[in-house]
């Protein structure tokens, strides 16, 4: 499954990148392809493209601030959580999004 993610914290430094790494690692462990866009102090990195959205089964938004371009994800299966949640509970995050995707099929 291909899952896109956005990670963003108020300062856009440590937690943003820690969450991105946790999402990538847990997704890979579960056999998913994961692309994480970070929105931080240096701007948007690894931006999710329109073609990524076409391929994505779902989106995970791990953010403690409003993210730029949230409307891109309208109509998609979406899980929103705090930026610290993927760091602390990566397994639970993916179990929840996998359950949502399976319920939609």
C-alpha atoms as a PDB file:
ATOM      1  CA  UNK A   1       0.000   0.000   0.000  1.00  0.00           C
ATOM      2  CA  UNK A   2       1.216   3.531  -0.753  1.00  0.00           C
ATOM      3  CA  UNK A   3       0.613   6.018   2.068  1.00  0.00           C
ATOM      4  CA  UNK A   4       1.433   9.713   2.000  1.00  0.00           C
ATOM      5  CA  UNK A   5       2.130  11.591   5.216  1.00  0.00           C
ATOM      6  CA  UNK A   6       2.728  15.123   6.418  1.00  0.00           C
ATOM      7  CA  UNK A   7       4.718  15.873   9.560  1.00  0.00           C
ATOM      8  CA  UNK A   8       4.778  19.349  11.120  1.00  0.00           C
ATOM      9  CA  UNK A   9       5.469  20.782  14.563  1.00  0.00           C
ATOM     10  CA  UNK A  10       5.319  24.381  15.813  1.00  0.00           C
ATOM     11  CA  UNK A  11       9.042  25.047  15.362  1.00  0.00           C
ATOM     12  CA  UNK A  12       9.406  22.657  12.460  1.00  0.00           C
ATOM     13  CA  UNK A  13      12.622  21.112  13.626  1.00  0.00           C
ATOM     14  CA  UNK A  14      13.153  18.079  15.858  1.00  0.00           C
ATOM     15  CA  UNK A  15       9.688  16.547  16.203  1.00  0.00           C
ATOM     16  CA  UNK A  16       8.867  17.069  12.529  1.00  0.00           C
ATOM     17  CA  UNK A  17      11.833  14.995  11.423  1.00  0.00           C
ATOM     18  CA  UNK A  18      11.519  12.450  14.227  1.00  0.00           C
ATOM     19  CA  UNK A  19       7.893  11.837  13.242  1.00  0.00           C
ATOM     20  CA  UNK A  20       8.836  11.566   9.560  1.00  0.00           C
ATOM     21  CA  UNK A  21      11.489   8.976  10.345  1.00  0.00           C
ATOM     22  CA  UNK A  22       9.123   6.988  12.573  1.00  0.00           C
ATOM     23  CA  UNK A  23       6.435   6.945   9.857  1.00  0.00           C
ATOM     24  CA  UNK A  24       8.905   5.805   7.207  1.00  0.00           C
ATOM     25  CA  UNK A  25      10.386   3.089   9.422  1.00  0.00           C
ATOM     26  CA  UNK A  26       7.069   1.652  10.592  1.00  0.00           C
ATOM     27  CA  UNK A  27       5.598   1.763   7.099  1.00  0.00           C
ATOM     28  CA  UNK A  28       8.582  -0.054   5.631  1.00  0.00           C
ATOM     29  CA  UNK A  29       8.437  -2.624   8.436  1.00  0.00           C
ATOM     30  CA  UNK A  30       4.821  -3.325   7.459  1.00  0.00           C
ATOM     31  CA  UNK A  31       5.617  -3.577   3.753  1.00  0.00           C
ATOM     32  CA  UNK A  32       4.151  -0.214   2.748  1.00  0.00           C
ATOM     33  CA  UNK A  33       5.634   2.457   0.555  1.00  0.00           C
ATOM     34  CA  UNK A  34       5.526   5.711   2.503  1.00  0.00           C
ATOM     35  CA  UNK A  35       6.262   9.253   1.380  1.00  0.00           C
ATOM     36  CA  UNK A  36       6.526  11.865   4.105  1.00  0.00           C
ATOM     37  CA  UNK A  37       6.328  15.568   3.375  1.00  0.00           C
ATOM     38  CA  UNK A  38       7.823  17.708   6.128  1.00  0.00           C
ATOM     39  CA  UNK A  39       6.663  21.226   6.810  1.00  0.00           C
ATOM     40  CA  UNK A  40       9.136  22.913   9.059  1.00  0.00           C
ATOM     41  CA  UNK A  41      11.399  25.798   9.765  1.00  0.00           C
ATOM     42  CA  UNK A  42      13.062  25.525   6.349  1.00  0.00           C
ATOM     43  CA  UNK A  43       9.796  25.168   4.446  1.00  0.00           C
ATOM     44  CA  UNK A  44       8.255  22.180   2.687  1.00  0.00           C
ATOM     45  CA  UNK A  45      10.536  19.275   1.903  1.00  0.00           C
ATOM     46  CA  UNK A  46       9.763  16.095  -0.043  1.00  0.00           C
ATOM     47  CA  UNK A  47       6.523  17.661  -1.292  1.00  0.00           C
ATOM     48  CA  UNK A  48       3.654  15.315  -2.083  1.00  0.00           C
ATOM     49  CA  UNK A  49       2.847  15.604  -5.795  1.00  0.00           C
ATOM     50  CA  UNK A  50      -0.521  15.243  -7.561  1.00  0.00           C
ATOM     51  CA  UNK A  51       0.663  11.875  -8.933  1.00  0.00           C
ATOM     52  CA  UNK A  52       1.501  10.755  -5.369  1.00  0.00           C
ATOM     53  CA  UNK A  53      -2.070  11.602  -4.360  1.00  0.00           C
ATOM     54  CA  UNK A  54      -3.464   9.584  -7.254  1.00  0.00           C
ATOM     55  CA  UNK A  55      -1.539   6.509  -6.115  1.00  0.00           C
ATOM     56  CA  UNK A  56      -2.059   6.913  -2.371  1.00  0.00           C
ATOM     57  CA  UNK A  57      -4.483   4.695  -0.486  1.00  0.00           C
ATOM     58  CA  UNK A  58      -4.509   7.057   2.506  1.00  0.00           C
ATOM     59  CA  UNK A  59      -2.865  10.002   4.235  1.00  0.00           C
ATOM     60  CA  UNK A  60      -1.482  10.388   7.740  1.00  0.00           C
ATOM     61  CA  UNK A  61      -1.186  13.946   9.023  1.00  0.00           C
ATOM     62  CA  UNK A  62       0.991  14.159  12.122  1.00  0.00           C
ATOM     63  CA  UNK A  63       0.913  17.819  13.039  1.00  0.00           C
ATOM     64  CA  UNK A  64       0.535  20.193  15.948  1.00  0.00           C
ATOM     65  CA  UNK A  65       0.028  23.166  13.625  1.00  0.00           C
ATOM     66  CA  UNK A  66      -2.155  23.869  10.607  1.00  0.00           C
ATOM     67  CA  UNK A  67      -0.484  22.422   7.530  1.00  0.00           C
ATOM     68  CA  UNK A  68      -0.184  24.079   4.160  1.00  0.00           C
ATOM     69  CA  UNK A  69      -2.221  22.455   1.413  1.00  0.00           C
ATOM     70  CA  UNK A  70      -4.542  20.451   3.637  1.00  0.00           C
ATOM     71  CA  UNK A  71      -7.257  20.675   0.964  1.00  0.00           C
ATOM     72  CA  UNK A  72      -5.165  18.323  -1.233  1.00  0.00           C
ATOM     73  CA  UNK A  73      -6.334  15.489   0.970  1.00  0.00           C
ATOM     74  CA  UNK A  74     -10.087  16.162   0.781  1.00  0.00           C
ATOM     75  CA  UNK A  75     -11.967  12.971   0.012  1.00  0.00           C
ATOM     76  CA  UNK A  76      -9.069  10.711   0.994  1.00  0.00           C
ATOM     77  CA  UNK A  77      -8.923   8.245   3.861  1.00  0.00           C
ATOM     78  CA  UNK A  78      -7.175  10.356   6.472  1.00  0.00           C
ATOM     79  CA  UNK A  79      -5.774   9.877   9.942  1.00  0.00           C
ATOM     80  CA  UNK A  80      -4.854  13.019  11.853  1.00  0.00           C
ATOM     81  CA  UNK A  81      -2.783  12.915  15.022  1.00  0.00           C
ATOM     82  CA  UNK A  82      -0.289  14.875  17.082  1.00  0.00           C
ATOM     83  CA  UNK A  83       3.254  15.052  15.720  1.00  0.00           C
ATOM     84  CA  UNK A  84       4.488  13.064  18.734  1.00  0.00           C
ATOM     85  CA  UNK A  85       2.097  10.136  18.137  1.00  0.00           C
ATOM     86  CA  UNK A  86       4.120   8.407  15.376  1.00  0.00           C
ATOM     87  CA  UNK A  87       7.210   8.719  17.567  1.00  0.00           C
ATOM     88  CA  UNK A  88       5.485   7.152  20.580  1.00  0.00           C
ATOM     89  CA  UNK A  89       2.891   4.890  18.926  1.00  0.00           C
ATOM     90  CA  UNK A  90       3.943   4.054  15.341  1.00  0.00           C
ATOM     91  CA  UNK A  91       2.352   0.609  15.390  1.00  0.00           C
ATOM     92  CA  UNK A  92      -1.011   1.962  16.536  1.00  0.00           C
ATOM     93  CA  UNK A  93      -0.970   4.709  13.901  1.00  0.00           C
ATOM     94  CA  UNK A  94      -0.499   2.185  11.113  1.00  0.00           C
ATOM     95  CA  UNK A  95      -2.989  -0.286  12.574  1.00  0.00           C
ATOM     96  CA  UNK A  96      -5.613   2.474  12.547  1.00  0.00           C
ATOM     97  CA  UNK A  97      -4.953   3.617   8.979  1.00  0.00           C
ATOM     98  CA  UNK A  98      -4.794   0.021   7.698  1.00  0.00           C
ATOM     99  CA  UNK A  99      -8.161  -0.687   9.339  1.00  0.00           C
ATOM    100  CA  UNK A 100      -9.676   2.405   7.693  1.00  0.00           C
ATOM    101  CA  UNK A 101      -8.377   1.403   4.264  1.00  0.00           C
ATOM    102  CA  UNK A 102      -9.634  -2.170   4.708  1.00  0.00           C
ATOM    103  CA  UNK A 103     -13.074  -0.898   5.766  1.00  0.00           C
ATOM    104  CA  UNK A 104     -13.318   1.183   2.575  1.00  0.00           C
ATOM    105  CA  UNK A 105     -12.517  -1.721   0.229  1.00  0.00           C
END
